[in-house]
Amino acid sequence: MGVLKAKIVLTGGPCAGKTTTIAKIKEDLENLGYHVLLLNECATEIINLGIRPFGNNKVDVFDFQNEILNLQVFKEKRLIDIVSKLPSDTKCILLSDRGIIDNKAYLGEELFNKLLLQNNLKEEDVLDQYDMVIHLVTVATNNENKYNNSTNSARFEDDIEEVIDLDKRTNEAWSKHKNLKRVEATDIIDEKIDKVIKLIHEYLNIK
């Protein structure tokens, strides 16, 4: 069976550069001999299926976040199960675009606790499932003219203050994690990516 070296989450507000950064991380780690198992953002998948908490035929926000949580849990379990089926010398990294705790940023503490209880989960256990969480701060905090929600068809936040507030709530949601790192916004995305990759290299003890 393969060896799971780390479960790493990239989180942050809308237009933080997660998709671009994840692609570069995957390329970098695979060049170093790691096998990257990639878990794409569940919210985007759910919205593209036609389940959304906005617009016509919208569902309740709590029900929407419940769908996200269940898909996230399912995909994480399937990917971890796959590790056991890989050759014994396979060094695996599970790289996730957002994690279960992101639901808290959208629901608030009371409803999030209700969501966890409904799914027989405890926040401390969920946090412990992830080895490293990297918060990418949205570009809206640095240069609002750079913010653009057209790069993701499932992104609906278009008010700058709302985007910045969501970024803050996301950071607060993950604040209890033992290995939370924060990478500030910058006009040059490559600088941001380099910082993220450096953090991952340090965690994995890559010289």
N, C-alpha and C. Protein backbone atom coordinates (compact mmCIF):
# COMPACT_ATOMS: atom_id res chain seq x y z
N MET A 1 0.83 -1.20 0.00
CA MET A 1 0.00 0.00 0.00
C MET A 1 0.87 1.25 0.00
N GLY A 2 0.32 2.33 -0.59
CA GLY A 2 1.05 3.58 -0.64
C GLY A 2 1.09 4.23 0.74
N VAL A 3 1.83 5.32 0.84
CA VAL A 3 1.97 6.03 2.11
C VAL A 3 1.42 7.45 1.95
N LEU A 4 0.44 7.80 2.79
CA LEU A 4 -0.10 9.16 2.76
C LEU A 4 0.80 10.06 3.60
N LYS A 5 1.55 10.92 2.94
CA LYS A 5 2.51 11.77 3.63
C LYS A 5 1.85 13.01 4.23
N ALA A 6 0.78 13.49 3.62
CA ALA A 6 0.12 14.68 4.14
C ALA A 6 -1.23 14.91 3.48
N LYS A 7 -2.16 15.46 4.28
CA LYS A 7 -3.42 15.98 3.76
C LYS A 7 -3.34 17.50 3.90
N ILE A 8 -3.32 18.18 2.76
CA ILE A 8 -3.13 19.63 2.74
C ILE A 8 -4.36 20.30 2.14
N VAL A 9 -4.84 21.33 2.82
CA VAL A 9 -5.99 22.10 2.35
C VAL A 9 -5.54 23.49 1.95
N LEU A 10 -6.00 23.94 0.78
CA LEU A 10 -5.87 25.34 0.40
C LEU A 10 -7.24 25.99 0.54
N THR A 11 -7.29 27.07 1.29
CA THR A 11 -8.56 27.76 1.50
C THR A 11 -8.36 29.25 1.30
N GLY A 12 -9.41 30.01 1.51
CA GLY A 12 -9.33 31.46 1.33
C GLY A 12 -10.58 32.00 0.68
N GLY A 13 -10.68 33.31 0.59
CA GLY A 13 -11.84 33.93 -0.02
C GLY A 13 -11.85 33.78 -1.53
N PRO A 14 -12.93 34.20 -2.18
CA PRO A 14 -13.03 34.14 -3.64
C PRO A 14 -11.90 34.91 -4.30
N CYS A 15 -11.42 34.41 -5.41
CA CYS A 15 -10.37 35.05 -6.20
C CYS A 15 -9.08 35.20 -5.39
N ALA A 16 -8.72 34.11 -4.72
CA ALA A 16 -7.47 34.10 -3.94
C ALA A 16 -6.35 33.42 -4.71
N GLY A 17 -6.68 32.81 -5.83
CA GLY A 17 -5.67 32.14 -6.65
C GLY A 17 -5.50 30.66 -6.32
N LYS A 18 -6.50 30.07 -5.68
CA LYS A 18 -6.38 28.67 -5.26
C LYS A 18 -6.21 27.71 -6.44
N THR A 19 -7.02 27.88 -7.46
CA THR A 19 -6.98 26.95 -8.60
C THR A 19 -5.62 26.97 -9.29
N THR A 20 -5.12 28.17 -9.55
CA THR A 20 -3.81 28.32 -10.19
C THR A 20 -2.70 27.76 -9.30
N THR A 21 -2.77 28.07 -8.01
CA THR A 21 -1.75 27.63 -7.07
C THR A 21 -1.74 26.11 -6.93
N ILE A 22 -2.91 25.52 -6.85
CA ILE A 22 -3.01 24.06 -6.71
C ILE A 22 -2.37 23.36 -7.91
N ALA A 23 -2.61 23.87 -9.09
CA ALA A 23 -2.02 23.28 -10.30
C ALA A 23 -0.49 23.32 -10.23
N LYS A 24 0.07 24.43 -9.74
CA LYS A 24 1.52 24.56 -9.62
C LYS A 24 2.08 23.66 -8.52
N ILE A 25 1.35 23.53 -7.40
CA ILE A 25 1.78 22.63 -6.33
C ILE A 25 1.84 21.20 -6.84
N LYS A 26 0.81 20.80 -7.54
CA LYS A 26 0.74 19.44 -8.08
C LYS A 26 1.93 19.17 -9.00
N GLU A 27 2.20 20.11 -9.89
CA GLU A 27 3.33 19.96 -10.82
C GLU A 27 4.65 19.86 -10.05
N ASP A 28 4.82 20.73 -9.07
CA ASP A 28 6.06 20.76 -8.29
C ASP A 28 6.27 19.44 -7.54
N LEU A 29 5.25 18.99 -6.83
CA LEU A 29 5.39 17.78 -6.01
C LEU A 29 5.57 16.53 -6.87
N GLU A 30 4.90 16.49 -7.99
CA GLU A 30 5.06 15.32 -8.88
C GLU A 30 6.47 15.28 -9.47
N ASN A 31 7.05 16.45 -9.72
CA ASN A 31 8.44 16.49 -10.19
C ASN A 31 9.41 16.00 -9.13
N LEU A 32 8.97 16.07 -7.86
CA LEU A 32 9.80 15.61 -6.75
C LEU A 32 9.50 14.16 -6.35
N GLY A 33 8.68 13.50 -7.13
CA GLY A 33 8.42 12.08 -6.91
C GLY A 33 7.20 11.76 -6.07
N TYR A 34 6.39 12.75 -5.75
CA TYR A 34 5.16 12.50 -5.00
C TYR A 34 4.00 12.20 -5.95
N HIS A 35 3.04 11.44 -5.44
CA HIS A 35 1.82 11.18 -6.20
C HIS A 35 0.72 12.05 -5.56
N VAL A 36 0.21 13.02 -6.31
CA VAL A 36 -0.76 13.96 -5.77
C VAL A 36 -2.18 13.52 -6.11
N LEU A 37 -2.99 13.35 -5.06
CA LEU A 37 -4.41 13.06 -5.20
C LEU A 37 -5.15 14.37 -5.00
N LEU A 38 -5.82 14.83 -6.04
CA LEU A 38 -6.40 16.18 -6.04
C LEU A 38 -7.91 16.13 -5.79
N LEU A 39 -8.34 16.89 -4.80
CA LEU A 39 -9.76 16.99 -4.49
C LEU A 39 -10.23 18.40 -4.83
N ASN A 40 -10.99 18.51 -5.93
CA ASN A 40 -11.46 19.82 -6.38
C ASN A 40 -12.56 20.37 -5.47
N GLU A 41 -12.80 21.66 -5.58
CA GLU A 41 -13.76 22.33 -4.70
C GLU A 41 -15.16 21.73 -4.85
N CYS A 42 -15.70 21.26 -3.74
CA CYS A 42 -17.01 20.60 -3.76
C CYS A 42 -18.15 21.58 -4.04
N ALA A 43 -18.04 22.81 -3.53
CA ALA A 43 -19.11 23.79 -3.75
C ALA A 43 -19.33 24.04 -5.24
N THR A 44 -18.24 24.16 -5.98
CA THR A 44 -18.35 24.39 -7.43
C THR A 44 -19.05 23.21 -8.11
N GLU A 45 -18.69 21.99 -7.71
CA GLU A 45 -19.33 20.81 -8.30
C GLU A 45 -20.83 20.79 -8.00
N ILE A 46 -21.19 21.11 -6.75
CA ILE A 46 -22.60 21.10 -6.36
C ILE A 46 -23.39 22.15 -7.13
N ILE A 47 -22.84 23.36 -7.24
CA ILE A 47 -23.52 24.43 -7.96
C ILE A 47 -23.68 24.07 -9.43
N ASN A 48 -22.64 23.50 -10.03
CA ASN A 48 -22.73 23.12 -11.44
C ASN A 48 -23.70 21.97 -11.69
N LEU A 49 -24.05 21.24 -10.64
CA LEU A 49 -25.08 20.21 -10.75
C LEU A 49 -26.48 20.80 -10.76
N GLY A 50 -26.58 22.09 -10.40
CA GLY A 50 -27.88 22.76 -10.36
C GLY A 50 -28.42 22.95 -8.96
N ILE A 51 -27.60 22.66 -7.96
CA ILE A 51 -28.00 22.84 -6.56
C ILE A 51 -27.29 24.10 -6.06
N ARG A 52 -28.06 25.15 -5.77
CA ARG A 52 -27.44 26.42 -5.39
C ARG A 52 -28.28 27.16 -4.36
N PRO A 53 -27.63 27.98 -3.51
CA PRO A 53 -28.36 28.71 -2.48
C PRO A 53 -28.73 30.14 -2.92
N PHE A 54 -28.80 30.38 -4.19
CA PHE A 54 -29.09 31.71 -4.73
C PHE A 54 -29.85 31.58 -6.03
N GLY A 55 -30.46 32.66 -6.49
CA GLY A 55 -31.16 32.66 -7.77
C GLY A 55 -32.48 31.92 -7.72
N ASN A 56 -32.98 31.56 -8.88
CA ASN A 56 -34.23 30.80 -8.97
C ASN A 56 -34.03 29.37 -8.50
N ASN A 57 -35.08 28.82 -7.91
CA ASN A 57 -35.06 27.42 -7.44
C ASN A 57 -33.92 27.15 -6.47
N LYS A 58 -33.65 28.12 -5.61
CA LYS A 58 -32.55 27.97 -4.65
C LYS A 58 -32.95 27.08 -3.48
N VAL A 59 -31.95 26.46 -2.88
CA VAL A 59 -32.16 25.65 -1.69
C VAL A 59 -31.67 26.44 -0.47
N ASP A 60 -32.10 26.02 0.71
CA ASP A 60 -31.68 26.66 1.94
C ASP A 60 -30.16 26.54 2.10
N VAL A 61 -29.53 27.58 2.65
CA VAL A 61 -28.08 27.59 2.81
C VAL A 61 -27.60 26.40 3.63
N PHE A 62 -28.34 26.05 4.68
CA PHE A 62 -27.95 24.91 5.51
C PHE A 62 -27.96 23.62 4.70
N ASP A 63 -29.01 23.42 3.91
CA ASP A 63 -29.10 22.22 3.08
C ASP A 63 -27.99 22.19 2.03
N PHE A 64 -27.67 23.36 1.50
CA PHE A 64 -26.60 23.46 0.51
C PHE A 64 -25.25 23.06 1.13
N GLN A 65 -24.96 23.61 2.31
CA GLN A 65 -23.70 23.27 2.97
C GLN A 65 -23.66 21.80 3.39
N ASN A 66 -24.81 21.24 3.69
CA ASN A 66 -24.86 19.82 4.03
C ASN A 66 -24.47 18.96 2.82
N GLU A 67 -24.92 19.36 1.65
CA GLU A 67 -24.54 18.63 0.43
C GLU A 67 -23.04 18.73 0.20
N ILE A 68 -22.47 19.91 0.41
CA ILE A 68 -21.03 20.10 0.25
C ILE A 68 -20.27 19.22 1.23
N LEU A 69 -20.68 19.24 2.49
CA LEU A 69 -19.99 18.45 3.51
C LEU A 69 -20.00 16.96 3.16
N ASN A 70 -21.16 16.45 2.76
CA ASN A 70 -21.25 15.03 2.46
C ASN A 70 -20.41 14.64 1.25
N LEU A 71 -20.36 15.51 0.25
CA LEU A 71 -19.52 15.22 -0.92
C LEU A 71 -18.05 15.27 -0.53
N GLN A 72 -17.67 16.24 0.30
CA GLN A 72 -16.28 16.36 0.75
C GLN A 72 -15.86 15.12 1.53
N VAL A 73 -16.69 14.70 2.47
CA VAL A 73 -16.38 13.52 3.28
C VAL A 73 -16.23 12.29 2.40
N PHE A 74 -17.15 12.13 1.45
CA PHE A 74 -17.12 10.97 0.54
C PHE A 74 -15.85 10.97 -0.29
N LYS A 75 -15.50 12.11 -0.89
CA LYS A 75 -14.33 12.16 -1.77
C LYS A 75 -13.04 11.96 -0.99
N GLU A 76 -12.96 12.54 0.20
CA GLU A 76 -11.76 12.35 1.02
C GLU A 76 -11.57 10.88 1.36
N LYS A 77 -12.65 10.22 1.74
CA LYS A 77 -12.58 8.80 2.09
C LYS A 77 -12.16 7.96 0.89
N ARG A 78 -12.73 8.25 -0.28
CA ARG A 78 -12.41 7.47 -1.48
C ARG A 78 -10.93 7.64 -1.84
N LEU A 79 -10.42 8.86 -1.75
CA LEU A 79 -9.02 9.09 -2.10
C LEU A 79 -8.07 8.42 -1.11
N ILE A 80 -8.42 8.45 0.16
CA ILE A 80 -7.59 7.78 1.16
C ILE A 80 -7.62 6.26 0.95
N ASP A 81 -8.78 5.75 0.57
CA ASP A 81 -8.88 4.32 0.27
C ASP A 81 -7.99 3.94 -0.92
N ILE A 82 -7.90 4.85 -1.89
CA ILE A 82 -7.08 4.59 -3.07
C ILE A 82 -5.61 4.45 -2.70
N VAL A 83 -5.17 5.22 -1.70
CA VAL A 83 -3.77 5.15 -1.26
C VAL A 83 -3.40 3.72 -0.90
N SER A 84 -4.30 3.01 -0.25
CA SER A 84 -4.03 1.63 0.18
C SER A 84 -3.89 0.66 -0.99
N LYS A 85 -4.31 1.08 -2.16
CA LYS A 85 -4.26 0.20 -3.34
C LYS A 85 -3.06 0.50 -4.24
N LEU A 86 -2.27 1.49 -3.86
CA LEU A 86 -1.11 1.89 -4.67
C LEU A 86 0.14 1.11 -4.24
N PRO A 87 1.16 1.06 -5.09
CA PRO A 87 2.41 0.37 -4.74
C PRO A 87 3.01 0.91 -3.45
N SER A 88 3.72 0.09 -2.73
CA SER A 88 4.20 0.43 -1.39
C SER A 88 5.19 1.59 -1.36
N ASP A 89 5.85 1.86 -2.47
CA ASP A 89 6.83 2.96 -2.48
C ASP A 89 6.22 4.28 -2.96
N THR A 90 4.87 4.34 -3.04
CA THR A 90 4.21 5.55 -3.52
C THR A 90 4.02 6.55 -2.39
N LYS A 91 4.62 7.72 -2.54
CA LYS A 91 4.48 8.79 -1.54
C LYS A 91 3.33 9.69 -1.99
N CYS A 92 2.24 9.67 -1.22
CA CYS A 92 1.02 10.37 -1.64
C CYS A 92 0.78 11.66 -0.86
N ILE A 93 0.25 12.63 -1.56
CA ILE A 93 -0.21 13.88 -0.96
C ILE A 93 -1.67 14.07 -1.37
N LEU A 94 -2.55 14.24 -0.38
CA LEU A 94 -3.94 14.58 -0.69
C LEU A 94 -4.05 16.10 -0.63
N LEU A 95 -4.30 16.70 -1.77
CA LEU A 95 -4.35 18.16 -1.89
C LEU A 95 -5.79 18.57 -2.17
N SER A 96 -6.36 19.35 -1.26
CA SER A 96 -7.78 19.67 -1.34
C SER A 96 -8.04 21.16 -1.50
N ASP A 97 -8.89 21.48 -2.48
CA ASP A 97 -9.36 22.86 -2.66
C ASP A 97 -10.52 23.06 -1.69
N ARG A 98 -10.22 23.62 -0.52
CA ARG A 98 -11.13 23.79 0.61
C ARG A 98 -11.31 22.45 1.35
N GLY A 99 -11.79 22.58 2.60
CA GLY A 99 -12.02 21.41 3.43
C GLY A 99 -13.33 21.55 4.19
N ILE A 100 -13.63 20.59 5.03
CA ILE A 100 -14.91 20.55 5.73
C ILE A 100 -15.16 21.81 6.56
N ILE A 101 -14.12 22.33 7.18
CA ILE A 101 -14.27 23.49 8.06
C ILE A 101 -14.70 24.75 7.31
N ASP A 102 -14.50 24.79 6.00
CA ASP A 102 -14.93 25.95 5.23
C ASP A 102 -16.43 26.20 5.35
N ASN A 103 -17.20 25.15 5.60
CA ASN A 103 -18.65 25.31 5.76
C ASN A 103 -18.98 26.30 6.88
N LYS A 104 -18.13 26.35 7.89
CA LYS A 104 -18.36 27.22 9.05
C LYS A 104 -18.39 28.69 8.65
N ALA A 105 -17.58 29.07 7.67
CA ALA A 105 -17.51 30.46 7.22
C ALA A 105 -18.84 30.92 6.62
N TYR A 106 -19.59 29.99 6.07
CA TYR A 106 -20.86 30.32 5.41
C TYR A 106 -22.06 30.17 6.34
N LEU A 107 -21.91 29.36 7.40
CA LEU A 107 -23.04 29.08 8.28
C LEU A 107 -22.98 29.81 9.62
N GLY A 108 -21.79 30.13 10.08
CA GLY A 108 -21.65 30.63 11.43
C GLY A 108 -21.53 29.45 12.40
N GLU A 109 -21.11 29.74 13.61
CA GLU A 109 -20.78 28.66 14.55
C GLU A 109 -21.98 27.81 14.95
N GLU A 110 -23.11 28.44 15.25
CA GLU A 110 -24.28 27.69 15.72
C GLU A 110 -24.79 26.70 14.69
N LEU A 111 -25.00 27.16 13.46
CA LEU A 111 -25.49 26.28 12.41
C LEU A 111 -24.44 25.25 12.00
N PHE A 112 -23.17 25.64 12.06
CA PHE A 112 -22.11 24.69 11.71
C PHE A 112 -22.07 23.55 12.73
N ASN A 113 -22.23 23.88 14.01
CA ASN A 113 -22.27 22.83 15.04
C ASN A 113 -23.46 21.91 14.82
N LYS A 114 -24.58 22.49 14.40
CA LYS A 114 -25.76 21.67 14.07
C LYS A 114 -25.46 20.75 12.90
N LEU A 115 -24.76 21.27 11.90
CA LEU A 115 -24.40 20.48 10.73
C LEU A 115 -23.50 19.31 11.12
N LEU A 116 -22.51 19.57 11.96
CA LEU A 116 -21.61 18.51 12.41
C LEU A 116 -22.37 17.45 13.19
N LEU A 117 -23.25 17.89 14.09
CA LEU A 117 -24.02 16.96 14.91
C LEU A 117 -24.89 16.08 14.03
N GLN A 118 -25.50 16.68 13.03
CA GLN A 118 -26.37 15.93 12.11
C GLN A 118 -25.59 14.85 11.35
N ASN A 119 -24.29 15.10 11.15
CA ASN A 119 -23.46 14.16 10.40
C ASN A 119 -22.50 13.37 11.29
N ASN A 120 -22.78 13.38 12.59
CA ASN A 120 -21.99 12.61 13.57
C ASN A 120 -20.49 12.95 13.51
N LEU A 121 -20.21 14.25 13.44
CA LEU A 121 -18.83 14.71 13.39
C LEU A 121 -18.56 15.67 14.55
N LYS A 122 -17.29 15.75 14.95
CA LYS A 122 -16.86 16.70 15.96
C LYS A 122 -15.80 17.61 15.33
N GLU A 123 -15.87 18.90 15.64
CA GLU A 123 -14.97 19.86 15.00
C GLU A 123 -13.50 19.52 15.25
N GLU A 124 -13.16 19.13 16.48
CA GLU A 124 -11.76 18.84 16.79
C GLU A 124 -11.26 17.64 15.99
N ASP A 125 -12.14 16.65 15.76
CA ASP A 125 -11.74 15.48 14.97
C ASP A 125 -11.56 15.85 13.50
N VAL A 126 -12.43 16.71 13.00
CA VAL A 126 -12.32 17.16 11.60
C VAL A 126 -11.02 17.94 11.40
N LEU A 127 -10.72 18.85 12.32
CA LEU A 127 -9.49 19.63 12.22
C LEU A 127 -8.26 18.73 12.20
N ASP A 128 -8.28 17.69 13.04
CA ASP A 128 -7.12 16.78 13.15
C ASP A 128 -6.92 15.94 11.88
N GLN A 129 -7.93 15.89 11.02
CA GLN A 129 -7.80 15.09 9.79
C GLN A 129 -6.82 15.73 8.80
N TYR A 130 -6.62 17.03 8.94
CA TYR A 130 -5.78 17.76 7.99
C TYR A 130 -4.42 18.08 8.63
N ASP A 131 -3.35 17.83 7.90
CA ASP A 131 -2.01 18.07 8.42
C ASP A 131 -1.58 19.52 8.27
N MET A 132 -2.08 20.16 7.23
CA MET A 132 -1.66 21.54 6.96
C MET A 132 -2.79 22.28 6.25
N VAL A 133 -3.03 23.52 6.66
CA VAL A 133 -4.04 24.36 6.02
C VAL A 133 -3.37 25.67 5.63
N ILE A 134 -3.49 26.03 4.36
CA ILE A 134 -2.88 27.27 3.88
C ILE A 134 -4.00 28.20 3.40
N HIS A 135 -4.11 29.33 4.07
CA HIS A 135 -5.13 30.32 3.72
C HIS A 135 -4.53 31.34 2.74
N LEU A 136 -5.08 31.36 1.54
CA LEU A 136 -4.67 32.35 0.54
C LEU A 136 -5.63 33.52 0.62
N VAL A 137 -5.11 34.68 0.96
CA VAL A 137 -5.95 35.86 1.12
C VAL A 137 -6.41 36.37 -0.25
N THR A 138 -7.71 36.68 -0.35
CA THR A 138 -8.27 37.14 -1.62
C THR A 138 -7.59 38.40 -2.12
N VAL A 139 -7.46 38.51 -3.43
CA VAL A 139 -6.84 39.69 -4.05
C VAL A 139 -7.67 40.95 -3.79
N ALA A 140 -8.94 40.77 -3.40
CA ALA A 140 -9.81 41.92 -3.13
C ALA A 140 -9.30 42.76 -1.97
N THR A 141 -8.53 42.16 -1.05
CA THR A 141 -8.00 42.91 0.09
C THR A 141 -6.81 43.77 -0.30
N ASN A 142 -6.19 43.44 -1.39
CA ASN A 142 -4.97 44.11 -1.83
C ASN A 142 -5.22 45.10 -2.96
N ASN A 143 -6.08 44.68 -3.89
CA ASN A 143 -6.37 45.51 -5.06
C ASN A 143 -7.74 45.11 -5.60
N GLU A 144 -8.77 45.86 -5.19
CA GLU A 144 -10.14 45.48 -5.56
C GLU A 144 -10.36 45.48 -7.06
N ASN A 145 -9.55 46.22 -7.80
CA ASN A 145 -9.68 46.23 -9.25
C ASN A 145 -9.26 44.91 -9.88
N LYS A 146 -8.49 44.12 -9.11
CA LYS A 146 -8.03 42.82 -9.60
C LYS A 146 -9.08 41.74 -9.38
N TYR A 147 -10.07 42.01 -8.49
CA TYR A 147 -11.07 40.98 -8.20
C TYR A 147 -11.95 40.75 -9.42
N ASN A 148 -12.17 39.49 -9.73
CA ASN A 148 -12.95 39.12 -10.91
C ASN A 148 -13.63 37.79 -10.63
N ASN A 149 -14.95 37.76 -10.66
CA ASN A 149 -15.65 36.50 -10.40
C ASN A 149 -16.03 35.74 -11.66
N SER A 150 -15.45 36.16 -12.80
CA SER A 150 -15.79 35.50 -14.07
C SER A 150 -14.95 34.26 -14.34
N THR A 151 -13.91 34.03 -13.53
CA THR A 151 -13.03 32.89 -13.76
C THR A 151 -13.63 31.58 -13.27
N ASN A 152 -14.71 31.68 -12.52
CA ASN A 152 -15.39 30.48 -12.01
C ASN A 152 -16.88 30.69 -12.19
N SER A 153 -17.52 29.87 -13.03
CA SER A 153 -18.95 30.04 -13.33
C SER A 153 -19.83 29.83 -12.11
N ALA A 154 -19.27 29.18 -11.06
CA ALA A 154 -20.05 28.92 -9.85
C ALA A 154 -19.81 29.98 -8.77
N ARG A 155 -18.99 30.98 -9.06
CA ARG A 155 -18.71 32.03 -8.08
C ARG A 155 -19.75 33.12 -8.22
N PHE A 156 -20.44 33.44 -7.13
CA PHE A 156 -21.52 34.40 -7.19
C PHE A 156 -21.28 35.65 -6.36
N GLU A 157 -20.20 35.71 -5.60
CA GLU A 157 -19.92 36.88 -4.78
C GLU A 157 -19.37 38.00 -5.66
N ASP A 158 -20.05 39.13 -5.71
CA ASP A 158 -19.57 40.22 -6.55
C ASP A 158 -19.41 41.54 -5.79
N ASP A 159 -19.77 41.57 -4.51
CA ASP A 159 -19.59 42.75 -3.69
C ASP A 159 -18.24 42.65 -2.97
N ILE A 160 -17.39 43.65 -3.16
CA ILE A 160 -16.02 43.59 -2.62
C ILE A 160 -16.02 43.43 -1.11
N GLU A 161 -16.87 44.21 -0.41
CA GLU A 161 -16.92 44.11 1.05
C GLU A 161 -17.36 42.71 1.49
N GLU A 162 -18.30 42.12 0.76
CA GLU A 162 -18.76 40.78 1.06
C GLU A 162 -17.63 39.76 0.87
N VAL A 163 -16.85 39.95 -0.18
CA VAL A 163 -15.73 39.05 -0.47
C VAL A 163 -14.68 39.13 0.63
N ILE A 164 -14.34 40.35 1.04
CA ILE A 164 -13.33 40.54 2.09
C ILE A 164 -13.83 39.96 3.42
N ASP A 165 -15.11 40.17 3.71
CA ASP A 165 -15.69 39.64 4.95
C ASP A 165 -15.67 38.12 4.93
N LEU A 166 -15.98 37.53 3.79
CA LEU A 166 -15.97 36.07 3.67
C LEU A 166 -14.56 35.52 3.85
N ASP A 167 -13.58 36.25 3.33
CA ASP A 167 -12.18 35.85 3.51
C ASP A 167 -11.82 35.84 4.99
N LYS A 168 -12.26 36.85 5.72
CA LYS A 168 -11.98 36.92 7.15
C LYS A 168 -12.68 35.80 7.90
N ARG A 169 -13.94 35.53 7.55
CA ARG A 169 -14.69 34.45 8.22
C ARG A 169 -14.06 33.09 7.95
N THR A 170 -13.51 32.93 6.75
CA THR A 170 -12.84 31.67 6.42
C THR A 170 -11.60 31.48 7.27
N ASN A 171 -10.83 32.55 7.43
CA ASN A 171 -9.64 32.48 8.27
C ASN A 171 -10.01 32.17 9.72
N GLU A 172 -11.06 32.81 10.21
CA GLU A 172 -11.53 32.57 11.58
C GLU A 172 -12.03 31.13 11.74
N ALA A 173 -12.69 30.61 10.73
CA ALA A 173 -13.22 29.25 10.81
C ALA A 173 -12.11 28.23 11.02
N TRP A 174 -10.95 28.47 10.41
CA TRP A 174 -9.82 27.54 10.50
C TRP A 174 -8.84 27.91 11.62
N SER A 175 -9.14 28.93 12.39
CA SER A 175 -8.17 29.48 13.35
C SER A 175 -7.72 28.49 14.42
N LYS A 176 -8.51 27.45 14.68
CA LYS A 176 -8.15 26.47 15.70
C LYS A 176 -7.21 25.39 15.17
N HIS A 177 -6.93 25.41 13.87
CA HIS A 177 -6.07 24.36 13.32
C HIS A 177 -4.63 24.54 13.80
N LYS A 178 -4.00 23.42 14.11
CA LYS A 178 -2.65 23.44 14.70
C LYS A 178 -1.57 23.89 13.71
N ASN A 179 -1.86 23.82 12.41
CA ASN A 179 -0.84 24.17 11.42
C ASN A 179 -1.47 25.01 10.30
N LEU A 180 -2.04 26.13 10.71
CA LEU A 180 -2.66 27.06 9.76
C LEU A 180 -1.63 28.10 9.33
N LYS A 181 -1.44 28.22 8.03
CA LYS A 181 -0.53 29.23 7.48
C LYS A 181 -1.35 30.22 6.65
N ARG A 182 -0.88 31.45 6.63
CA ARG A 182 -1.59 32.52 5.90
C ARG A 182 -0.64 33.16 4.90
N VAL A 183 -1.08 33.24 3.66
CA VAL A 183 -0.28 33.86 2.61
C VAL A 183 -1.04 35.08 2.09
N GLU A 184 -0.46 36.24 2.27
CA GLU A 184 -1.14 37.49 1.93
C GLU A 184 -1.29 37.67 0.42
N ALA A 185 -2.24 38.52 0.06
CA ALA A 185 -2.48 38.83 -1.35
C ALA A 185 -1.32 39.61 -1.94
N THR A 186 -1.10 39.42 -3.23
CA THR A 186 -0.07 40.16 -3.94
C THR A 186 -0.51 40.35 -5.39
N ASP A 187 -0.02 41.39 -6.02
CA ASP A 187 -0.38 41.62 -7.42
C ASP A 187 0.28 40.61 -8.35
N ILE A 188 1.35 39.99 -7.86
CA ILE A 188 2.09 39.02 -8.69
C ILE A 188 1.80 37.62 -8.17
N ILE A 189 1.00 36.86 -8.89
CA ILE A 189 0.55 35.56 -8.43
C ILE A 189 1.70 34.58 -8.24
N ASP A 190 2.75 34.70 -9.06
CA ASP A 190 3.89 33.78 -8.93
C ASP A 190 4.58 33.92 -7.58
N GLU A 191 4.60 35.14 -7.04
CA GLU A 191 5.19 35.35 -5.72
C GLU A 191 4.38 34.61 -4.66
N LYS A 192 3.08 34.67 -4.78
CA LYS A 192 2.17 33.99 -3.85
C LYS A 192 2.36 32.48 -3.94
N ILE A 193 2.44 31.97 -5.16
CA ILE A 193 2.62 30.54 -5.38
C ILE A 193 3.94 30.06 -4.79
N ASP A 194 5.01 30.83 -5.00
CA ASP A 194 6.32 30.47 -4.46
C ASP A 194 6.29 30.36 -2.94
N LYS A 195 5.57 31.27 -2.29
CA LYS A 195 5.46 31.23 -0.82
C LYS A 195 4.73 29.98 -0.36
N VAL A 196 3.68 29.63 -1.08
CA VAL A 196 2.90 28.43 -0.72
C VAL A 196 3.75 27.18 -0.89
N ILE A 197 4.43 27.07 -2.00
CA ILE A 197 5.27 25.89 -2.26
C ILE A 197 6.39 25.80 -1.23
N LYS A 198 6.95 26.93 -0.85
CA LYS A 198 8.00 26.93 0.18
C LYS A 198 7.45 26.40 1.50
N LEU A 199 6.25 26.80 1.88
CA LEU A 199 5.62 26.31 3.12
C LEU A 199 5.43 24.80 3.08
N ILE A 200 5.00 24.30 1.94
CA ILE A 200 4.79 22.85 1.80
C ILE A 200 6.11 22.10 1.84
N HIS A 201 7.12 22.64 1.19
CA HIS A 201 8.45 22.02 1.22
C HIS A 201 8.97 21.95 2.66
N GLU A 202 8.75 23.02 3.40
CA GLU A 202 9.24 23.03 4.80
C GLU A 202 8.51 21.97 5.61
N TYR A 203 7.20 21.84 5.41
CA TYR A 203 6.45 20.83 6.16
C TYR A 203 6.90 19.42 5.80
N LEU A 204 7.15 19.18 4.53
CA LEU A 204 7.55 17.85 4.07
C LEU A 204 9.06 17.61 4.26
N ASN A 205 9.75 18.64 4.74
CA ASN A 205 11.20 18.57 4.96
C ASN A 205 11.95 18.29 3.66
N ILE A 206 11.52 18.99 2.62
CA ILE A 206 12.17 18.89 1.33
C ILE A 206 13.28 19.94 1.28
N LYS A 207 14.51 19.49 1.07
CA LYS A 207 15.64 20.42 1.04
C LYS A 207 15.81 21.05 -0.32
